[in-house]
Amino acid sequence: MPYLELEKDKAEELEQVTEVTVPNITNINVKEAEKILKDLGLQMKINVEEGVDLSEMIITNQTPKEGITINSGTTIYCEIGT
């Protein structure tokens, strides 16, 4: 695939990418959300101040939103609250 500037062996890696649908993880706790995303091969990123106990926090917002099809390995950005 010279037009994508991919080497032959790299093209095989591209074919192995799995598409997943983003689940709704709002209104559940951080630990459950992490498990759901991990099971789908997705990453989670939370911008939080140091020292905040995440165990009692719930996801209040997520980007991208649920229902969007993305590649596995993509990061879901989350906002949290109590």
PDB file of N, CA and C in Angstrom:
ATOM      1  N   MET A   1       0.832  -1.188   0.000  1.00  0.00           N
ATOM      2  CA  MET A   1       0.000   0.000   0.000  1.00  0.00           C
ATOM      3  C   MET A   1       0.876   1.251   0.000  1.00  0.00           C
ATOM      4  N   PRO A   2       1.538   1.492  -1.059  1.00  0.00           N
ATOM      5  CA  PRO A   2       2.454   2.626  -1.088  1.00  0.00           C
ATOM      6  C   PRO A   2       1.773   3.971  -0.874  1.00  0.00           C
ATOM      7  N   TYR A   3       0.503   4.081  -1.271  1.00  0.00           N
ATOM      8  CA  TYR A   3      -0.185   5.356  -1.114  1.00  0.00           C
ATOM      9  C   TYR A   3      -0.460   5.682   0.354  1.00  0.00           C
ATOM     10  N   LEU A   4      -0.434   4.675   1.215  1.00  0.00           N
ATOM     11  CA  LEU A   4      -0.586   4.906   2.656  1.00  0.00           C
ATOM     12  C   LEU A   4       0.755   4.928   3.366  1.00  0.00           C
ATOM     13  N   GLU A   5       1.821   4.784   2.585  1.00  0.00           N
ATOM     14  CA  GLU A   5       3.167   4.744   3.110  1.00  0.00           C
ATOM     15  C   GLU A   5       3.343   3.626   4.127  1.00  0.00           C
ATOM     16  N   LEU A   6       2.732   2.477   3.846  1.00  0.00           N
ATOM     17  CA  LEU A   6       2.842   1.314   4.708  1.00  0.00           C
ATOM     18  C   LEU A   6       3.771   0.296   4.070  1.00  0.00           C
ATOM     19  N   GLU A   7       4.579  -0.312   4.909  1.00  0.00           N
ATOM     20  CA  GLU A   7       5.385  -1.415   4.421  1.00  0.00           C
ATOM     21  C   GLU A   7       4.497  -2.652   4.384  1.00  0.00           C
ATOM     22  N   LYS A   8       4.927  -3.672   3.649  1.00  0.00           N
ATOM     23  CA  LYS A   8       4.107  -4.857   3.466  1.00  0.00           C
ATOM     24  C   LYS A   8       3.704  -5.495   4.795  1.00  0.00           C
ATOM     25  N   ASP A   9       4.644  -5.660   5.729  1.00  0.00           N
ATOM     26  CA  ASP A   9       4.324  -6.287   7.008  1.00  0.00           C
ATOM     27  C   ASP A   9       3.440  -5.392   7.874  1.00  0.00           C
ATOM     28  N   LYS A  10       3.530  -4.117   7.713  1.00  0.00           N
ATOM     29  CA  LYS A  10       2.676  -3.182   8.450  1.00  0.00           C
ATOM     30  C   LYS A  10       1.243  -3.236   7.950  1.00  0.00           C
ATOM     31  N   ALA A  11       1.045  -3.550   6.688  1.00  0.00           N
ATOM     32  CA  ALA A  11      -0.297  -3.664   6.125  1.00  0.00           C
ATOM     33  C   ALA A  11      -1.055  -4.796   6.804  1.00  0.00           C
ATOM     34  N   GLU A  12      -0.349  -5.849   7.163  1.00  0.00           N
ATOM     35  CA  GLU A  12      -0.983  -6.958   7.877  1.00  0.00           C
ATOM     36  C   GLU A  12      -1.486  -6.509   9.243  1.00  0.00           C
ATOM     37  N   GLU A  13      -0.719  -5.671   9.935  1.00  0.00           N
ATOM     38  CA  GLU A  13      -1.139  -5.133  11.221  1.00  0.00           C
ATOM     39  C   GLU A  13      -2.418  -4.312  11.073  1.00  0.00           C
ATOM     40  N   LEU A  14      -2.516  -3.566  10.001  1.00  0.00           N
ATOM     41  CA  LEU A  14      -3.684  -2.734   9.752  1.00  0.00           C
ATOM     42  C   LEU A  14      -4.942  -3.591   9.609  1.00  0.00           C
ATOM     43  N   GLU A  15      -4.803  -4.741   8.984  1.00  0.00           N
ATOM     44  CA  GLU A  15      -5.938  -5.624   8.784  1.00  0.00           C
ATOM     45  C   GLU A  15      -6.423  -6.249  10.086  1.00  0.00           C
ATOM     46  N   GLN A  16      -5.578  -6.306  11.128  1.00  0.00           N
ATOM     47  CA  GLN A  16      -5.924  -6.942  12.384  1.00  0.00           C
ATOM     48  C   GLN A  16      -6.682  -6.022  13.336  1.00  0.00           C
ATOM     49  N   VAL A  17      -6.895  -4.798  12.967  1.00  0.00           N
ATOM     50  CA  VAL A  17      -7.610  -3.856  13.814  1.00  0.00           C
ATOM     51  C   VAL A  17      -9.076  -4.266  13.885  1.00  0.00           C
ATOM     52  N   THR A  18      -9.597  -4.311  15.107  1.00  0.00           N
ATOM     53  CA  THR A  18     -10.988  -4.687  15.316  1.00  0.00           C
ATOM     54  C   THR A  18     -11.803  -3.434  15.581  1.00  0.00           C
ATOM     55  N   GLU A  19     -12.952  -3.351  14.957  1.00  0.00           N
ATOM     56  CA  GLU A  19     -13.850  -2.232  15.216  1.00  0.00           C
ATOM     57  C   GLU A  19     -14.823  -2.622  16.315  1.00  0.00           C
ATOM     58  N   VAL A  20     -15.082  -1.689  17.221  1.00  0.00           N
ATOM     59  CA  VAL A  20     -16.032  -1.913  18.311  1.00  0.00           C
ATOM     60  C   VAL A  20     -16.969  -0.719  18.402  1.00  0.00           C
ATOM     61  N   THR A  21     -18.133  -0.947  18.974  1.00  0.00           N
ATOM     62  CA  THR A  21     -19.090   0.131  19.205  1.00  0.00           C
ATOM     63  C   THR A  21     -18.903   0.639  20.625  1.00  0.00           C
ATOM     64  N   VAL A  22     -18.804   1.946  20.767  1.00  0.00           N
ATOM     65  CA  VAL A  22     -18.598   2.554  22.082  1.00  0.00           C
ATOM     66  C   VAL A  22     -19.827   2.293  22.956  1.00  0.00           C
ATOM     67  N   PRO A  23     -19.598   1.716  24.148  1.00  0.00           N
ATOM     68  CA  PRO A  23     -20.723   1.483  25.056  1.00  0.00           C
ATOM     69  C   PRO A  23     -21.047   2.734  25.866  1.00  0.00           C
ATOM     70  N   ASN A  24     -22.210   2.759  26.469  1.00  0.00           N
ATOM     71  CA  ASN A  24     -22.566   3.844  27.376  1.00  0.00           C
ATOM     72  C   ASN A  24     -22.010   3.497  28.753  1.00  0.00           C
ATOM     73  N   ILE A  25     -21.041   4.290  29.221  1.00  0.00           N
ATOM     74  CA  ILE A  25     -20.465   4.037  30.543  1.00  0.00           C
ATOM     75  C   ILE A  25     -20.808   5.150  31.528  1.00  0.00           C
ATOM     76  N   THR A  26     -21.700   6.046  31.154  1.00  0.00           N
ATOM     77  CA  THR A  26     -22.093   7.109  32.082  1.00  0.00           C
ATOM     78  C   THR A  26     -22.993   6.537  33.171  1.00  0.00           C
ATOM     79  N   ASN A  27     -22.933   7.165  34.317  1.00  0.00           N
ATOM     80  CA  ASN A  27     -23.721   6.798  35.497  1.00  0.00           C
ATOM     81  C   ASN A  27     -23.350   5.448  36.100  1.00  0.00           C
ATOM     82  N   ILE A  28     -22.142   4.967  35.816  1.00  0.00           N
ATOM     83  CA  ILE A  28     -21.631   3.794  36.513  1.00  0.00           C
ATOM     84  C   ILE A  28     -20.290   4.145  37.136  1.00  0.00           C
ATOM     85  N   ASN A  29     -19.847   3.345  38.107  1.00  0.00           N
ATOM     86  CA  ASN A  29     -18.606   3.700  38.787  1.00  0.00           C
ATOM     87  C   ASN A  29     -17.386   3.448  37.901  1.00  0.00           C
ATOM     88  N   VAL A  30     -16.296   4.083  38.266  1.00  0.00           N
ATOM     89  CA  VAL A  30     -15.076   4.060  37.463  1.00  0.00           C
ATOM     90  C   VAL A  30     -14.554   2.643  37.282  1.00  0.00           C
ATOM     91  N   LYS A  31     -14.577   1.846  38.347  1.00  0.00           N
ATOM     92  CA  LYS A  31     -14.047   0.482  38.270  1.00  0.00           C
ATOM     93  C   LYS A  31     -14.833  -0.367  37.263  1.00  0.00           C
ATOM     94  N   GLU A  32     -16.157  -0.282  37.288  1.00  0.00           N
ATOM     95  CA  GLU A  32     -16.983  -1.027  36.332  1.00  0.00           C
ATOM     96  C   GLU A  32     -16.729  -0.534  34.912  1.00  0.00           C
ATOM     97  N   ALA A  33     -16.631   0.773  34.744  1.00  0.00           N
ATOM     98  CA  ALA A  33     -16.390   1.357  33.416  1.00  0.00           C
ATOM     99  C   ALA A  33     -15.060   0.870  32.854  1.00  0.00           C
ATOM    100  N   GLU A  34     -14.033   0.833  33.692  1.00  0.00           N
ATOM    101  CA  GLU A  34     -12.723   0.349  33.252  1.00  0.00           C
ATOM    102  C   GLU A  34     -12.809  -1.094  32.755  1.00  0.00           C
ATOM    103  N   LYS A  35     -13.539  -1.926  33.473  1.00  0.00           N
ATOM    104  CA  LYS A  35     -13.678  -3.332  33.079  1.00  0.00           C
ATOM    105  C   LYS A  35     -14.418  -3.456  31.747  1.00  0.00           C
ATOM    106  N   ILE A  36     -15.503  -2.725  31.594  1.00  0.00           N
ATOM    107  CA  ILE A  36     -16.272  -2.770  30.345  1.00  0.00           C
ATOM    108  C   ILE A  36     -15.392  -2.378  29.160  1.00  0.00           C
ATOM    109  N   LEU A  37     -14.656  -1.277  29.311  1.00  0.00           N
ATOM    110  CA  LEU A  37     -13.807  -0.802  28.220  1.00  0.00           C
ATOM    111  C   LEU A  37     -12.662  -1.767  27.939  1.00  0.00           C
ATOM    112  N   LYS A  38     -12.048  -2.285  28.995  1.00  0.00           N
ATOM    113  CA  LYS A  38     -10.938  -3.219  28.822  1.00  0.00           C
ATOM    114  C   LYS A  38     -11.399  -4.474  28.078  1.00  0.00           C
ATOM    115  N   ASP A  39     -12.588  -4.981  28.426  1.00  0.00           N
ATOM    116  CA  ASP A  39     -13.125  -6.169  27.753  1.00  0.00           C
ATOM    117  C   ASP A  39     -13.327  -5.935  26.256  1.00  0.00           C
ATOM    118  N   LEU A  40     -13.558  -4.699  25.864  1.00  0.00           N
ATOM    119  CA  LEU A  40     -13.737  -4.347  24.451  1.00  0.00           C
ATOM    120  C   LEU A  40     -12.428  -3.944  23.772  1.00  0.00           C
ATOM    121  N   GLY A  41     -11.339  -3.926  24.543  1.00  0.00           N
ATOM    122  CA  GLY A  41     -10.046  -3.531  23.985  1.00  0.00           C
ATOM    123  C   GLY A  41      -9.872  -2.033  23.889  1.00  0.00           C
ATOM    124  N   LEU A  42     -10.611  -1.285  24.711  1.00  0.00           N
ATOM    125  CA  LEU A  42     -10.532   0.176  24.713  1.00  0.00           C
ATOM    126  C   LEU A  42      -9.785   0.672  25.944  1.00  0.00           C
ATOM    127  N   GLN A  43      -9.247   1.859  25.846  1.00  0.00           N
ATOM    128  CA  GLN A  43      -8.535   2.496  26.947  1.00  0.00           C
ATOM    129  C   GLN A  43      -9.423   3.557  27.584  1.00  0.00           C
ATOM    130  N   MET A  44      -9.130   3.920  28.834  1.00  0.00           N
ATOM    131  CA  MET A  44      -9.887   4.983  29.498  1.00  0.00           C
ATOM    132  C   MET A  44      -8.916   6.010  30.061  1.00  0.00           C
ATOM    133  N   LYS A  45      -9.242   7.268  29.860  1.00  0.00           N
ATOM    134  CA  LYS A  45      -8.442   8.378  30.382  1.00  0.00           C
ATOM    135  C   LYS A  45      -9.361   9.297  31.178  1.00  0.00           C
ATOM    136  N   ILE A  46      -8.963   9.556  32.428  1.00  0.00           N
ATOM    137  CA  ILE A  46      -9.732  10.449  33.292  1.00  0.00           C
ATOM    138  C   ILE A  46      -8.813  11.572  33.731  1.00  0.00           C
ATOM    139  N   ASN A  47      -9.223  12.800  33.504  1.00  0.00           N
ATOM    140  CA  ASN A  47      -8.479  13.942  34.014  1.00  0.00           C
ATOM    141  C   ASN A  47      -8.967  14.204  35.429  1.00  0.00           C
ATOM    142  N   VAL A  48      -8.103  13.949  36.397  1.00  0.00           N
ATOM    143  CA  VAL A  48      -8.489  14.060  37.793  1.00  0.00           C
ATOM    144  C   VAL A  48      -7.336  14.648  38.596  1.00  0.00           C
ATOM    145  N   GLU A  49      -7.683  15.399  39.628  1.00  0.00           N
ATOM    146  CA  GLU A  49      -6.667  15.965  40.492  1.00  0.00           C
ATOM    147  C   GLU A  49      -6.019  14.866  41.325  1.00  0.00           C
ATOM    148  N   GLU A  50      -4.760  15.051  41.625  1.00  0.00           N
ATOM    149  CA  GLU A  50      -4.033  14.070  42.422  1.00  0.00           C
ATOM    150  C   GLU A  50      -4.672  13.919  43.805  1.00  0.00           C
ATOM    151  N   GLY A  51      -4.759  12.696  44.270  1.00  0.00           N
ATOM    152  CA  GLY A  51      -5.297  12.439  45.601  1.00  0.00           C
ATOM    153  C   GLY A  51      -6.794  12.156  45.639  1.00  0.00           C
ATOM    154  N   VAL A  52      -7.481  12.262  44.521  1.00  0.00           N
ATOM    155  CA  VAL A  52      -8.919  11.987  44.481  1.00  0.00           C
ATOM    156  C   VAL A  52      -9.122  10.471  44.471  1.00  0.00           C
ATOM    157  N   ASP A  53     -10.005   9.988  45.347  1.00  0.00           N
ATOM    158  CA  ASP A  53     -10.315   8.565  45.424  1.00  0.00           C
ATOM    159  C   ASP A  53     -11.327   8.222  44.338  1.00  0.00           C
ATOM    160  N   LEU A  54     -10.877   7.484  43.332  1.00  0.00           N
ATOM    161  CA  LEU A  54     -11.740   7.155  42.194  1.00  0.00           C
ATOM    162  C   LEU A  54     -12.756   6.058  42.513  1.00  0.00           C
ATOM    163  N   SER A  55     -12.554   5.329  43.595  1.00  0.00           N
ATOM    164  CA  SER A  55     -13.414   4.178  43.880  1.00  0.00           C
ATOM    165  C   SER A  55     -14.879   4.549  44.087  1.00  0.00           C
ATOM    166  N   GLU A  56     -15.152   5.778  44.532  1.00  0.00           N
ATOM    167  CA  GLU A  56     -16.534   6.195  44.766  1.00  0.00           C
ATOM    168  C   GLU A  56     -17.065   7.141  43.689  1.00  0.00           C
ATOM    169  N   MET A  57     -16.276   7.355  42.665  1.00  0.00           N
ATOM    170  CA  MET A  57     -16.673   8.261  41.593  1.00  0.00           C
ATOM    171  C   MET A  57     -17.441   7.522  40.505  1.00  0.00           C
ATOM    172  N   ILE A  58     -18.328   8.266  39.838  1.00  0.00           N
ATOM    173  CA  ILE A  58     -19.046   7.710  38.690  1.00  0.00           C
ATOM    174  C   ILE A  58     -18.710   8.527  37.450  1.00  0.00           C
ATOM    175  N   ILE A  59     -18.875   7.901  36.311  1.00  0.00           N
ATOM    176  CA  ILE A  59     -18.626   8.577  35.031  1.00  0.00           C
ATOM    177  C   ILE A  59     -19.831   9.475  34.742  1.00  0.00           C
ATOM    178  N   THR A  60     -19.560  10.766  34.513  1.00  0.00           N
ATOM    179  CA  THR A  60     -20.646  11.706  34.232  1.00  0.00           C
ATOM    180  C   THR A  60     -20.735  12.077  32.752  1.00  0.00           C
ATOM    181  N   ASN A  61     -19.625  11.885  32.026  1.00  0.00           N
ATOM    182  CA  ASN A  61     -19.599  12.231  30.597  1.00  0.00           C
ATOM    183  C   ASN A  61     -18.496  11.428  29.930  1.00  0.00           C
ATOM    184  N   GLN A  62     -18.668  11.141  28.650  1.00  0.00           N
ATOM    185  CA  GLN A  62     -17.654  10.395  27.913  1.00  0.00           C
ATOM    186  C   GLN A  62     -17.534  10.917  26.502  1.00  0.00           C
ATOM    187  N   THR A  63     -16.306  10.810  25.960  1.00  0.00           N
ATOM    188  CA  THR A  63     -16.039  11.178  24.577  1.00  0.00           C
ATOM    189  C   THR A  63     -15.116  10.119  23.992  1.00  0.00           C
ATOM    190  N   PRO A  64     -15.459   9.479  22.902  1.00  0.00           N
ATOM    191  CA  PRO A  64     -16.656   9.659  22.103  1.00  0.00           C
ATOM    192  C   PRO A  64     -17.900   9.091  22.789  1.00  0.00           C
ATOM    193  N   LYS A  65     -19.043   9.536  22.303  1.00  0.00           N
ATOM    194  CA  LYS A  65     -20.333   9.120  22.853  1.00  0.00           C
ATOM    195  C   LYS A  65     -20.651   7.679  22.464  1.00  0.00           C
ATOM    196  N   GLU A  66     -21.608   7.103  23.168  1.00  0.00           N
ATOM    197  CA  GLU A  66     -22.013   5.726  22.888  1.00  0.00           C
ATOM    198  C   GLU A  66     -22.578   5.579  21.483  1.00  0.00           C
ATOM    199  N   GLY A  67     -22.403   4.379  20.938  1.00  0.00           N
ATOM    200  CA  GLY A  67     -22.967   4.061  19.636  1.00  0.00           C
ATOM    201  C   GLY A  67     -22.047   4.318  18.459  1.00  0.00           C
ATOM    202  N   ILE A  68     -20.946   5.029  18.674  1.00  0.00           N
ATOM    203  CA  ILE A  68     -20.006   5.319  17.591  1.00  0.00           C
ATOM    204  C   ILE A  68     -19.087   4.113  17.399  1.00  0.00           C
ATOM    205  N   THR A  69     -18.788   3.772  16.162  1.00  0.00           N
ATOM    206  CA  THR A  69     -17.872   2.670  15.868  1.00  0.00           C
ATOM    207  C   THR A  69     -16.449   3.213  15.780  1.00  0.00           C
ATOM    208  N   ILE A  70     -15.554   2.594  16.574  1.00  0.00           N
ATOM    209  CA  ILE A  70     -14.152   3.015  16.628  1.00  0.00           C
ATOM    210  C   ILE A  70     -13.260   1.775  16.585  1.00  0.00           C
ATOM    211  N   ASN A  71     -11.972   1.984  16.430  1.00  0.00           N
ATOM    212  CA  ASN A  71     -11.004   0.892  16.442  1.00  0.00           C
ATOM    213  C   ASN A  71     -10.664   0.502  17.869  1.00  0.00           C
ATOM    214  N   SER A  72     -10.440  -0.798  18.087  1.00  0.00           N
ATOM    215  CA  SER A  72      -9.977  -1.233  19.399  1.00  0.00           C
ATOM    216  C   SER A  72      -8.655  -0.538  19.699  1.00  0.00           C
ATOM    217  N   GLY A  73      -8.399  -0.309  20.965  1.00  0.00           N
ATOM    218  CA  GLY A  73      -7.194   0.408  21.371  1.00  0.00           C
ATOM    219  C   GLY A  73      -7.406   1.898  21.510  1.00  0.00           C
ATOM    220  N   THR A  74      -8.535   2.394  21.047  1.00  0.00           N
ATOM    221  CA  THR A  74      -8.855   3.821  21.140  1.00  0.00           C
ATOM    222  C   THR A  74      -9.099   4.209  22.598  1.00  0.00           C
ATOM    223  N   THR A  75      -8.782   5.425  22.949  1.00  0.00           N
ATOM    224  CA  THR A  75      -8.985   5.931  24.301  1.00  0.00           C
ATOM    225  C   THR A  75     -10.325   6.644  24.404  1.00  0.00           C
ATOM    226  N   ILE A  76     -11.066   6.308  25.464  1.00  0.00           N
ATOM    227  CA  ILE A  76     -12.320   6.979  25.799  1.00  0.00           C
ATOM    228  C   ILE A  76     -11.988   7.986  26.910  1.00  0.00           C
ATOM    229  N   TYR A  77     -12.297   9.243  26.684  1.00  0.00           N
ATOM    230  CA  TYR A  77     -12.022  10.292  27.666  1.00  0.00           C
ATOM    231  C   TYR A  77     -13.252  10.498  28.537  1.00  0.00           C
ATOM    232  N   CYS A  78     -13.047  10.469  29.851  1.00  0.00           N
ATOM    233  CA  CYS A  78     -14.165  10.500  30.787  1.00  0.00           C
ATOM    234  C   CYS A  78     -14.057  11.650  31.781  1.00  0.00           C
ATOM    235  N   GLU A  79     -15.233  12.147  32.169  1.00  0.00           N
ATOM    236  CA  GLU A  79     -15.343  13.090  33.265  1.00  0.00           C
ATOM    237  C   GLU A  79     -16.022  12.355  34.405  1.00  0.00           C
ATOM    238  N   ILE A  80     -15.650  12.698  35.638  1.00  0.00           N
ATOM    239  CA  ILE A  80     -16.204  11.990  36.784  1.00  0.00           C
ATOM    240  C   ILE A  80     -16.870  12.941  37.772  1.00  0.00           C
ATOM    241  N   GLY A  81     -17.693  12.382  38.625  1.00  0.00           N
ATOM    242  CA  GLY A  81     -18.359  13.124  39.686  1.00  0.00           C
ATOM    243  C   GLY A  81     -18.782  12.135  40.769  1.00  0.00           C
ATOM    244  N   THR A  82     -19.493  12.651  41.758  1.00  0.00           N
ATOM    245  CA  THR A  82     -19.942  11.756  42.838  1.00  0.00           C
ATOM    246  C   THR A  82     -21.420  11.489  42.735  1.00  0.00           C
TER     247      THR A  82
END
